[in-house]
Amino acid sequence: MRNFIRFIVKYHFAILFFIIEAVSLLLVLNYNAYQRSSFLSSSSAVSGGIFKRFNAGAEYLMLREINEDLARENAYLRSRMPESFRASRDYFNLVNDSASMQEYIYRSARVINNSTNRRFNYITLNKGRLNGIEPEMGVISNKGAVGIVKNVSDNYSTVISVINTRLKLSAKLKESGFFGSLEWNGTSYQHVYLLDIPRHANVNVGDLVVTSGYSSIFPEGILLGNVEEVELDKGASFYRIRVKLSVDFKNLAFVEVIGHTTHDEQINLEKETEND
């Protein structure tokens, strides 16, 4: 209390000045319509600016939740696309249960860990076995192929990234249909190489490179990137094609995991054929 009294005594002129100023302002606003309207207009502009910044901050904090909702919606919509269903010619009548014909199911997930500066890069997702994620499922983003699920626990899964020297994908040139093997050489995280494309194939800079569909993991036509440089050594039978990846692996937040409903059936049949 003694300190408070000392403060009042020390600054009583300043306090009295502010009190008089406040009273004077109130009198001016109460008895002058023009000044009152100007004050209200100015205060509305200031408060509006404050509320605008507050709302912008609140919306920014909600971006993660909004993105997760969009990822779930995208996964659902992909699952309902015609490409996710098998066309059957064995039925003479319409089958009401279209879900029994579904070949690909998409599940959304969030990236919680990711590496891009190693030779063996992996990605960790926040979904696992309890969410229907299994090894050897394909992983994509809204910009293209990301990788293949490697290991799974109840609540998490790890993905072997496209920029991993141990991963090879079956890919093709969208324009010509020639297919080969897509590999990363361990240098630039933005580039991979498409190999085994024969020299008689028509290849041009800018051509799109997509998944071939010749595996049980990715559907046909998932974007991988575009041709950036074409090399053909003298006497070589195959091109060496540098591909600029469509996915920016340093800016990866949400993905979709592709479940192939007949994956095991296809793999088992191919193994039987190899053993014959």
C-alpha atoms as a PDB file:
ATOM      1  CA  MET A   1       0.000   0.000   0.000  1.00  0.00           C
ATOM      2  CA  ARG A   2       2.852   2.357   0.858  1.00  0.00           C
ATOM      3  CA  ASN A   3       4.410   1.748  -2.573  1.00  0.00           C
ATOM      4  CA  PHE A   4       1.092   2.478  -4.256  1.00  0.00           C
ATOM      5  CA  ILE A   5       0.781   5.800  -2.416  1.00  0.00           C
ATOM      6  CA  ARG A   6       4.353   6.686  -3.408  1.00  0.00           C
ATOM      7  CA  PHE A   7       3.481   5.901  -7.036  1.00  0.00           C
ATOM      8  CA  ILE A   8       0.400   8.174  -6.883  1.00  0.00           C
ATOM      9  CA  VAL A   9       2.373  11.002  -5.305  1.00  0.00           C
ATOM     10  CA  LYS A  10       5.221  10.636  -7.806  1.00  0.00           C
ATOM     11  CA  TYR A  11       3.039  10.581 -10.912  1.00  0.00           C
ATOM     12  CA  HIS A  12      -0.021  12.508  -9.736  1.00  0.00           C
ATOM     13  CA  PHE A  13       0.386  15.207 -12.436  1.00  0.00           C
ATOM     14  CA  ALA A  14       0.475  12.615 -15.234  1.00  0.00           C
ATOM     15  CA  ILE A  15      -2.465  10.721 -13.747  1.00  0.00           C
ATOM     16  CA  LEU A  16      -4.476  13.908 -13.397  1.00  0.00           C
ATOM     17  CA  PHE A  17      -3.623  14.834 -16.982  1.00  0.00           C
ATOM     18  CA  PHE A  18      -4.927  11.528 -18.358  1.00  0.00           C
ATOM     19  CA  ILE A  19      -8.100  11.773 -16.283  1.00  0.00           C
ATOM     20  CA  ILE A  20      -8.801  15.294 -17.601  1.00  0.00           C
ATOM     21  CA  GLU A  21      -8.053  14.157 -21.143  1.00  0.00           C
ATOM     22  CA  ALA A  22     -10.465  11.236 -20.828  1.00  0.00           C
ATOM     23  CA  VAL A  23     -13.227  13.433 -19.404  1.00  0.00           C
ATOM     24  CA  SER A  24     -12.661  16.016 -22.147  1.00  0.00           C
ATOM     25  CA  LEU A  25     -12.843  13.334 -24.838  1.00  0.00           C
ATOM     26  CA  LEU A  26     -16.097  12.008 -23.400  1.00  0.00           C
ATOM     27  CA  LEU A  27     -17.607  15.497 -23.352  1.00  0.00           C
ATOM     28  CA  VAL A  28     -16.574  16.161 -26.944  1.00  0.00           C
ATOM     29  CA  LEU A  29     -18.002  12.836 -28.138  1.00  0.00           C
ATOM     30  CA  ASN A  30     -21.264  13.278 -26.217  1.00  0.00           C
ATOM     31  CA  TYR A  31     -22.034  16.815 -27.436  1.00  0.00           C
ATOM     32  CA  ASN A  32     -20.619  16.719 -31.006  1.00  0.00           C
ATOM     33  CA  ALA A  33     -22.201  14.383 -33.528  1.00  0.00           C
ATOM     34  CA  TYR A  34     -19.440  14.722 -36.145  1.00  0.00           C
ATOM     35  CA  GLN A  35     -16.621  13.881 -33.729  1.00  0.00           C
ATOM     36  CA  ARG A  36     -18.642  10.991 -32.306  1.00  0.00           C
ATOM     37  CA  SER A  37     -19.229   9.441 -35.749  1.00  0.00           C
ATOM     38  CA  SER A  38     -15.553   9.893 -36.680  1.00  0.00           C
ATOM     39  CA  PHE A  39     -14.449   8.216 -33.465  1.00  0.00           C
ATOM     40  CA  LEU A  40     -16.819   5.282 -33.935  1.00  0.00           C
ATOM     41  CA  SER A  41     -15.669   4.873 -37.525  1.00  0.00           C
ATOM     42  CA  SER A  42     -12.008   4.873 -36.521  1.00  0.00           C
ATOM     43  CA  SER A  43     -12.571   2.496 -33.613  1.00  0.00           C
ATOM     44  CA  SER A  44     -14.476   0.128 -35.905  1.00  0.00           C
ATOM     45  CA  ALA A  45     -11.571   0.107 -38.353  1.00  0.00           C
ATOM     46  CA  VAL A  46      -9.054  -0.601 -35.588  1.00  0.00           C
ATOM     47  CA  SER A  47     -11.157  -3.329 -33.978  1.00  0.00           C
ATOM     48  CA  GLY A  48     -11.888  -4.792 -37.397  1.00  0.00           C
ATOM     49  CA  GLY A  49      -8.174  -5.024 -38.135  1.00  0.00           C
ATOM     50  CA  ILE A  50      -7.539  -6.690 -34.796  1.00  0.00           C
ATOM     51  CA  PHE A  51     -10.317  -9.221 -35.312  1.00  0.00           C
ATOM     52  CA  LYS A  52      -9.110  -9.888 -38.873  1.00  0.00           C
ATOM     53  CA  ARG A  53      -5.618 -10.741 -37.629  1.00  0.00           C
ATOM     54  CA  PHE A  54      -7.059 -12.850 -34.818  1.00  0.00           C
ATOM     55  CA  ASN A  55      -9.231 -14.810 -37.247  1.00  0.00           C
ATOM     56  CA  ALA A  56      -6.288 -15.276 -39.609  1.00  0.00           C
ATOM     57  CA  GLY A  57      -4.268 -16.741 -36.737  1.00  0.00           C
ATOM     58  CA  ALA A  58      -7.135 -19.041 -35.748  1.00  0.00           C
ATOM     59  CA  GLU A  59      -7.536 -20.233 -39.337  1.00  0.00           C
ATOM     60  CA  TYR A  60      -3.800 -20.948 -39.540  1.00  0.00           C
ATOM     61  CA  LEU A  61      -3.997 -23.099 -36.425  1.00  0.00           C
ATOM     62  CA  MET A  62      -6.882 -25.015 -38.027  1.00  0.00           C
ATOM     63  CA  LEU A  63      -4.974 -25.759 -41.267  1.00  0.00           C
ATOM     64  CA  ARG A  64      -3.751 -29.166 -40.090  1.00  0.00           C
ATOM     65  CA  GLU A  65      -7.269 -30.286 -39.238  1.00  0.00           C
ATOM     66  CA  ILE A  66      -8.574 -28.930 -42.547  1.00  0.00           C
ATOM     67  CA  ASN A  67      -5.805 -30.706 -44.489  1.00  0.00           C
ATOM     68  CA  GLU A  68      -6.540 -33.984 -42.719  1.00  0.00           C
ATOM     69  CA  ASP A  69     -10.210 -33.681 -43.655  1.00  0.00           C
ATOM     70  CA  LEU A  70      -9.270 -32.974 -47.269  1.00  0.00           C
ATOM     71  CA  ALA A  71      -6.902 -35.963 -47.327  1.00  0.00           C
ATOM     72  CA  ARG A  72      -9.652 -38.266 -46.047  1.00  0.00           C
ATOM     73  CA  GLU A  73     -12.060 -36.877 -48.622  1.00  0.00           C
ATOM     74  CA  ASN A  74      -9.538 -37.339 -51.445  1.00  0.00           C
ATOM     75  CA  ALA A  75      -8.917 -40.929 -50.381  1.00  0.00           C
ATOM     76  CA  TYR A  76     -12.641 -41.632 -50.388  1.00  0.00           C
ATOM     77  CA  LEU A  77     -13.120 -40.033 -53.805  1.00  0.00           C
ATOM     78  CA  ARG A  78     -10.204 -41.976 -55.285  1.00  0.00           C
ATOM     79  CA  SER A  79     -11.750 -45.182 -53.972  1.00  0.00           C
ATOM     80  CA  ARG A  80     -14.967 -44.331 -55.821  1.00  0.00           C
ATOM     81  CA  MET A  81     -13.288 -43.546 -59.144  1.00  0.00           C
ATOM     82  CA  PRO A  82     -14.005 -45.944 -62.044  1.00  0.00           C
ATOM     83  CA  GLU A  83     -10.293 -46.865 -62.192  1.00  0.00           C
ATOM     84  CA  SER A  84     -10.590 -48.403 -58.726  1.00  0.00           C
ATOM     85  CA  PHE A  85     -13.095 -51.008 -59.889  1.00  0.00           C
ATOM     86  CA  ARG A  86     -12.678 -54.086 -62.057  1.00  0.00           C
ATOM     87  CA  ALA A  87     -14.866 -54.382 -65.111  1.00  0.00           C
ATOM     88  CA  SER A  88     -16.443 -57.831 -65.220  1.00  0.00           C
ATOM     89  CA  ARG A  89     -17.738 -59.461 -68.382  1.00  0.00           C
ATOM     90  CA  ASP A  90     -18.952 -62.565 -66.532  1.00  0.00           C
ATOM     91  CA  TYR A  91     -22.314 -61.117 -65.495  1.00  0.00           C
ATOM     92  CA  PHE A  92     -25.301 -60.840 -67.770  1.00  0.00           C
ATOM     93  CA  ASN A  93     -27.225 -58.850 -65.151  1.00  0.00           C
ATOM     94  CA  LEU A  94     -26.287 -55.786 -63.142  1.00  0.00           C
ATOM     95  CA  VAL A  95     -24.685 -56.482 -59.776  1.00  0.00           C
ATOM     96  CA  ASN A  96     -25.971 -54.158 -57.065  1.00  0.00           C
ATOM     97  CA  ASP A  97     -23.028 -54.764 -54.731  1.00  0.00           C
ATOM     98  CA  SER A  98     -20.421 -52.738 -56.600  1.00  0.00           C
ATOM     99  CA  ALA A  99     -18.060 -52.840 -53.594  1.00  0.00           C
ATOM    100  CA  SER A 100     -17.358 -56.532 -54.307  1.00  0.00           C
ATOM    101  CA  MET A 101     -15.803 -55.433 -57.607  1.00  0.00           C
ATOM    102  CA  GLN A 102     -13.570 -52.782 -56.072  1.00  0.00           C
ATOM    103  CA  GLU A 103      -9.924 -53.390 -56.875  1.00  0.00           C
ATOM    104  CA  TYR A 104      -8.222 -50.432 -55.162  1.00  0.00           C
ATOM    105  CA  ILE A 105      -9.017 -48.841 -51.800  1.00  0.00           C
ATOM    106  CA  TYR A 106      -7.387 -45.563 -50.725  1.00  0.00           C
ATOM    107  CA  ARG A 107      -6.678 -44.620 -47.109  1.00  0.00           C
ATOM    108  CA  SER A 108      -5.398 -41.226 -46.028  1.00  0.00           C
ATOM    109  CA  ALA A 109      -2.388 -40.829 -43.722  1.00  0.00           C
ATOM    110  CA  ARG A 110      -0.134 -38.080 -42.422  1.00  0.00           C
ATOM    111  CA  VAL A 111       3.650 -37.984 -42.763  1.00  0.00           C
ATOM    112  CA  ILE A 112       5.274 -37.730 -39.324  1.00  0.00           C
ATOM    113  CA  ASN A 113       8.888 -38.382 -40.328  1.00  0.00           C
ATOM    114  CA  ASN A 114      10.715 -38.138 -43.631  1.00  0.00           C
ATOM    115  CA  SER A 115      14.306 -38.235 -44.871  1.00  0.00           C
ATOM    116  CA  THR A 116      15.662 -36.973 -48.195  1.00  0.00           C
ATOM    117  CA  ASN A 117      19.442 -36.715 -47.718  1.00  0.00           C
ATOM    118  CA  ARG A 118      20.368 -40.389 -47.407  1.00  0.00           C
ATOM    119  CA  ARG A 119      20.825 -43.190 -49.909  1.00  0.00           C
ATOM    120  CA  PHE A 120      18.119 -45.229 -48.183  1.00  0.00           C
ATOM    121  CA  ASN A 121      15.322 -42.767 -47.478  1.00  0.00           C
ATOM    122  CA  TYR A 122      12.202 -43.745 -45.564  1.00  0.00           C
ATOM    123  CA  ILE A 123       8.940 -42.078 -44.585  1.00  0.00           C
ATOM    124  CA  THR A 124       6.925 -42.733 -41.422  1.00  0.00           C
ATOM    125  CA  LEU A 125       3.119 -42.495 -41.448  1.00  0.00           C
ATOM    126  CA  ASN A 126       0.684 -42.083 -38.557  1.00  0.00           C
ATOM    127  CA  LYS A 127      -1.438 -45.052 -39.672  1.00  0.00           C
ATOM    128  CA  GLY A 128      -0.738 -48.750 -39.254  1.00  0.00           C
ATOM    129  CA  ARG A 129      -2.205 -52.234 -39.109  1.00  0.00           C
ATOM    130  CA  LEU A 130      -5.250 -51.115 -37.116  1.00  0.00           C
ATOM    131  CA  ASN A 131      -6.084 -48.721 -39.958  1.00  0.00           C
ATOM    132  CA  GLY A 132      -5.856 -51.384 -42.654  1.00  0.00           C
ATOM    133  CA  ILE A 133      -2.279 -50.608 -43.722  1.00  0.00           C
ATOM    134  CA  GLU A 134      -0.184 -53.607 -44.805  1.00  0.00           C
ATOM    135  CA  PRO A 135       3.308 -54.113 -46.272  1.00  0.00           C
ATOM    136  CA  GLU A 136       3.694 -53.736 -50.049  1.00  0.00           C
ATOM    137  CA  MET A 137       0.901 -51.202 -50.378  1.00  0.00           C
ATOM    138  CA  GLY A 138       1.554 -48.287 -52.709  1.00  0.00           C
ATOM    139  CA  VAL A 139       1.714 -44.748 -51.335  1.00  0.00           C
ATOM    140  CA  ILE A 140       0.863 -41.650 -53.355  1.00  0.00           C
ATOM    141  CA  SER A 141       0.227 -37.947 -52.805  1.00  0.00           C
ATOM    142  CA  ASN A 142      -1.946 -35.575 -54.774  1.00  0.00           C
ATOM    143  CA  LYS A 143       1.080 -34.973 -57.038  1.00  0.00           C
ATOM    144  CA  GLY A 144       2.154 -38.541 -57.743  1.00  0.00           C
ATOM    145  CA  ALA A 145       3.765 -41.736 -56.461  1.00  0.00           C
ATOM    146  CA  VAL A 146       5.629 -41.560 -53.136  1.00  0.00           C
ATOM    147  CA  GLY A 147       6.776 -45.090 -52.331  1.00  0.00           C
ATOM    148  CA  ILE A 148       5.828 -48.535 -51.014  1.00  0.00           C
ATOM    149  CA  VAL A 149       4.919 -49.559 -47.453  1.00  0.00           C
ATOM    150  CA  LYS A 150       7.803 -51.532 -45.941  1.00  0.00           C
ATOM    151  CA  ASN A 151       6.998 -52.299 -42.289  1.00  0.00           C
ATOM    152  CA  VAL A 152       3.830 -51.921 -40.232  1.00  0.00           C
ATOM    153  CA  SER A 153       2.993 -51.756 -36.521  1.00  0.00           C
ATOM    154  CA  ASP A 154      -0.442 -51.320 -34.975  1.00  0.00           C
ATOM    155  CA  ASN A 155      -0.441 -47.537 -35.277  1.00  0.00           C
ATOM    156  CA  TYR A 156       2.442 -46.636 -37.598  1.00  0.00           C
ATOM    157  CA  SER A 157       3.996 -47.691 -40.872  1.00  0.00           C
ATOM    158  CA  THR A 158       7.256 -47.007 -42.673  1.00  0.00           C
ATOM    159  CA  VAL A 159       7.466 -46.379 -46.401  1.00  0.00           C
ATOM    160  CA  ILE A 160      10.446 -46.998 -48.658  1.00  0.00           C
ATOM    161  CA  SER A 161      10.623 -43.775 -50.617  1.00  0.00           C
ATOM    162  CA  VAL A 162      10.935 -43.377 -54.386  1.00  0.00           C
ATOM    163  CA  ILE A 163      14.238 -41.636 -53.580  1.00  0.00           C
ATOM    164  CA  ASN A 164      15.723 -44.811 -52.102  1.00  0.00           C
ATOM    165  CA  THR A 165      18.420 -46.632 -54.060  1.00  0.00           C
ATOM    166  CA  ARG A 166      16.866 -49.974 -53.076  1.00  0.00           C
ATOM    167  CA  LEU A 167      13.539 -49.244 -54.747  1.00  0.00           C
ATOM    168  CA  LYS A 168      12.776 -49.903 -58.401  1.00  0.00           C
ATOM    169  CA  LEU A 169       9.384 -49.126 -59.928  1.00  0.00           C
ATOM    170  CA  SER A 170       7.861 -50.316 -63.166  1.00  0.00           C
ATOM    171  CA  ALA A 171       7.181 -47.137 -65.129  1.00  0.00           C
ATOM    172  CA  LYS A 172       6.301 -46.172 -68.683  1.00  0.00           C
ATOM    173  CA  LEU A 173       6.202 -43.212 -71.010  1.00  0.00           C
ATOM    174  CA  LYS A 174       2.589 -42.116 -71.093  1.00  0.00           C
ATOM    175  CA  GLU A 175       2.695 -40.904 -74.699  1.00  0.00           C
ATOM    176  CA  SER A 176       4.333 -43.939 -76.326  1.00  0.00           C
ATOM    177  CA  GLY A 177       3.585 -46.710 -73.819  1.00  0.00           C
ATOM    178  CA  PHE A 178       7.181 -48.022 -73.675  1.00  0.00           C
ATOM    179  CA  PHE A 179       7.977 -49.238 -70.165  1.00  0.00           C
ATOM    180  CA  GLY A 180      11.125 -49.705 -68.135  1.00  0.00           C
ATOM    181  CA  SER A 181      12.556 -49.467 -64.638  1.00  0.00           C
ATOM    182  CA  LEU A 182      12.553 -46.266 -62.589  1.00  0.00           C
ATOM    183  CA  GLU A 183      15.544 -45.958 -60.230  1.00  0.00           C
ATOM    184  CA  TRP A 184      17.192 -43.342 -58.017  1.00  0.00           C
ATOM    185  CA  ASN A 185      20.980 -42.946 -58.161  1.00  0.00           C
ATOM    186  CA  GLY A 186      21.337 -41.385 -54.709  1.00  0.00           C
ATOM    187  CA  THR A 187      22.123 -37.802 -55.737  1.00  0.00           C
ATOM    188  CA  SER A 188      19.375 -35.223 -56.356  1.00  0.00           C
ATOM    189  CA  TYR A 189      16.164 -35.791 -54.400  1.00  0.00           C
ATOM    190  CA  GLN A 190      14.275 -34.241 -57.321  1.00  0.00           C
ATOM    191  CA  HIS A 191      15.453 -36.600 -60.053  1.00  0.00           C
ATOM    192  CA  VAL A 192      15.328 -40.306 -60.873  1.00  0.00           C
ATOM    193  CA  TYR A 193      16.249 -42.281 -63.992  1.00  0.00           C
ATOM    194  CA  LEU A 194      14.075 -44.308 -66.324  1.00  0.00           C
ATOM    195  CA  LEU A 195      16.067 -47.203 -67.788  1.00  0.00           C
ATOM    196  CA  ASP A 196      15.495 -50.031 -70.279  1.00  0.00           C
ATOM    197  CA  ILE A 197      13.608 -47.890 -72.814  1.00  0.00           C
ATOM    198  CA  PRO A 198      14.735 -49.159 -76.260  1.00  0.00           C
ATOM    199  CA  ARG A 199      16.453 -46.780 -78.634  1.00  0.00           C
ATOM    200  CA  HIS A 200      13.704 -47.092 -81.256  1.00  0.00           C
ATOM    201  CA  ALA A 201      11.164 -45.599 -78.815  1.00  0.00           C
ATOM    202  CA  ASN A 202      10.038 -42.039 -79.384  1.00  0.00           C
ATOM    203  CA  VAL A 203      11.167 -40.017 -76.351  1.00  0.00           C
ATOM    204  CA  ASN A 204      10.931 -36.248 -75.979  1.00  0.00           C
ATOM    205  CA  VAL A 205      11.773 -33.811 -73.217  1.00  0.00           C
ATOM    206  CA  GLY A 206       8.600 -33.041 -71.303  1.00  0.00           C
ATOM    207  CA  ASP A 207       6.965 -36.456 -71.847  1.00  0.00           C
ATOM    208  CA  LEU A 208       5.062 -37.701 -68.813  1.00  0.00           C
ATOM    209  CA  VAL A 209       6.288 -40.763 -66.917  1.00  0.00           C
ATOM    210  CA  VAL A 210       3.632 -42.799 -65.084  1.00  0.00           C
ATOM    211  CA  THR A 211       3.293 -46.163 -63.358  1.00  0.00           C
ATOM    212  CA  SER A 212       2.943 -48.996 -65.845  1.00  0.00           C
ATOM    213  CA  GLY A 213       0.374 -51.029 -63.934  1.00  0.00           C
ATOM    214  CA  TYR A 214       2.560 -54.142 -64.408  1.00  0.00           C
ATOM    215  CA  SER A 215       2.709 -54.790 -60.669  1.00  0.00           C
ATOM    216  CA  SER A 216       0.262 -55.567 -57.906  1.00  0.00           C
ATOM    217  CA  ILE A 217       1.133 -52.356 -56.037  1.00  0.00           C
ATOM    218  CA  PHE A 218       0.258 -49.293 -58.123  1.00  0.00           C
ATOM    219  CA  PRO A 219      -2.617 -48.829 -60.540  1.00  0.00           C
ATOM    220  CA  GLU A 220      -1.692 -47.832 -64.059  1.00  0.00           C
ATOM    221  CA  GLY A 221      -1.211 -44.142 -64.786  1.00  0.00           C
ATOM    222  CA  ILE A 222      -0.054 -42.745 -61.426  1.00  0.00           C
ATOM    223  CA  LEU A 223       2.161 -39.755 -62.211  1.00  0.00           C
ATOM    224  CA  LEU A 224       5.876 -40.073 -61.459  1.00  0.00           C
ATOM    225  CA  GLY A 225       7.328 -37.060 -63.268  1.00  0.00           C
ATOM    226  CA  ASN A 226       8.334 -35.790 -66.676  1.00  0.00           C
ATOM    227  CA  VAL A 227      11.325 -36.366 -68.939  1.00  0.00           C
ATOM    228  CA  GLU A 228      13.997 -33.721 -68.351  1.00  0.00           C
ATOM    229  CA  GLU A 229      16.968 -35.139 -70.274  1.00  0.00           C
ATOM    230  CA  VAL A 230      17.454 -38.013 -72.729  1.00  0.00           C
ATOM    231  CA  GLU A 231      20.843 -39.742 -73.073  1.00  0.00           C
ATOM    232  CA  LEU A 232      21.833 -42.417 -75.578  1.00  0.00           C
ATOM    233  CA  ASP A 233      25.446 -43.578 -75.620  1.00  0.00           C
ATOM    234  CA  LYS A 234      26.969 -44.535 -78.932  1.00  0.00           C
ATOM    235  CA  GLY A 235      26.200 -48.168 -79.631  1.00  0.00           C
ATOM    236  CA  ALA A 236      23.815 -48.441 -76.669  1.00  0.00           C
ATOM    237  CA  SER A 237      20.519 -50.262 -77.071  1.00  0.00           C
ATOM    238  CA  PHE A 238      18.625 -48.387 -74.353  1.00  0.00           C
ATOM    239  CA  TYR A 239      18.091 -44.784 -73.350  1.00  0.00           C
ATOM    240  CA  ARG A 240      19.139 -43.323 -70.025  1.00  0.00           C
ATOM    241  CA  ILE A 241      16.333 -40.865 -69.241  1.00  0.00           C
ATOM    242  CA  ARG A 242      16.497 -38.349 -66.418  1.00  0.00           C
ATOM    243  CA  VAL A 243      13.070 -37.721 -64.898  1.00  0.00           C
ATOM    244  CA  LYS A 244      12.069 -34.698 -62.801  1.00  0.00           C
ATOM    245  CA  LEU A 245       9.858 -36.061 -60.021  1.00  0.00           C
ATOM    246  CA  SER A 246       6.379 -34.624 -59.689  1.00  0.00           C
ATOM    247  CA  VAL A 247       6.457 -35.008 -55.893  1.00  0.00           C
ATOM    248  CA  ASP A 248       8.512 -32.595 -53.797  1.00  0.00           C
ATOM    249  CA  PHE A 249       9.767 -34.898 -51.046  1.00  0.00           C
ATOM    250  CA  LYS A 250      10.872 -31.945 -48.930  1.00  0.00           C
ATOM    251  CA  ASN A 251       7.286 -30.701 -48.826  1.00  0.00           C
ATOM    252  CA  LEU A 252       5.267 -33.822 -48.076  1.00  0.00           C
ATOM    253  CA  ALA A 253       2.550 -33.745 -45.425  1.00  0.00           C
ATOM    254  CA  PHE A 254      -0.387 -35.970 -46.424  1.00  0.00           C
ATOM    255  CA  VAL A 255      -0.472 -39.137 -48.510  1.00  0.00           C
ATOM    256  CA  GLU A 256      -2.854 -41.894 -49.556  1.00  0.00           C
ATOM    257  CA  VAL A 257      -2.119 -45.582 -49.130  1.00  0.00           C
ATOM    258  CA  ILE A 258      -3.426 -47.851 -51.890  1.00  0.00           C
ATOM    259  CA  GLY A 259      -4.864 -51.212 -50.953  1.00  0.00           C
ATOM    260  CA  HIS A 260      -5.068 -53.723 -53.813  1.00  0.00           C
ATOM    261  CA  THR A 261      -7.897 -56.119 -52.954  1.00  0.00           C
ATOM    262  CA  THR A 262      -6.536 -58.929 -55.160  1.00  0.00           C
ATOM    263  CA  HIS A 263      -2.852 -58.379 -54.391  1.00  0.00           C
ATOM    264  CA  ASP A 264      -2.270 -61.728 -52.660  1.00  0.00           C
ATOM    265  CA  GLU A 265      -4.119 -63.654 -55.343  1.00  0.00           C
ATOM    266  CA  GLN A 266      -1.968 -62.142 -58.090  1.00  0.00           C
ATOM    267  CA  ILE A 267       1.314 -62.677 -56.192  1.00  0.00           C
ATOM    268  CA  ASN A 268       0.528 -66.303 -55.335  1.00  0.00           C
ATOM    269  CA  LEU A 269      -0.441 -67.103 -58.915  1.00  0.00           C
ATOM    270  CA  GLU A 270       2.746 -65.522 -60.290  1.00  0.00           C
ATOM    271  CA  LYS A 271       4.850 -67.486 -57.790  1.00  0.00           C
ATOM    272  CA  GLU A 272       3.196 -70.717 -58.857  1.00  0.00           C
ATOM    273  CA  THR A 273       3.925 -69.894 -62.471  1.00  0.00           C
ATOM    274  CA  GLU A 274       7.588 -69.177 -61.719  1.00  0.00           C
ATOM    275  CA  ASN A 275       7.928 -72.524 -59.923  1.00  0.00           C
ATOM    276  CA  ASP A 276       6.398 -74.523 -62.780  1.00  0.00           C
END
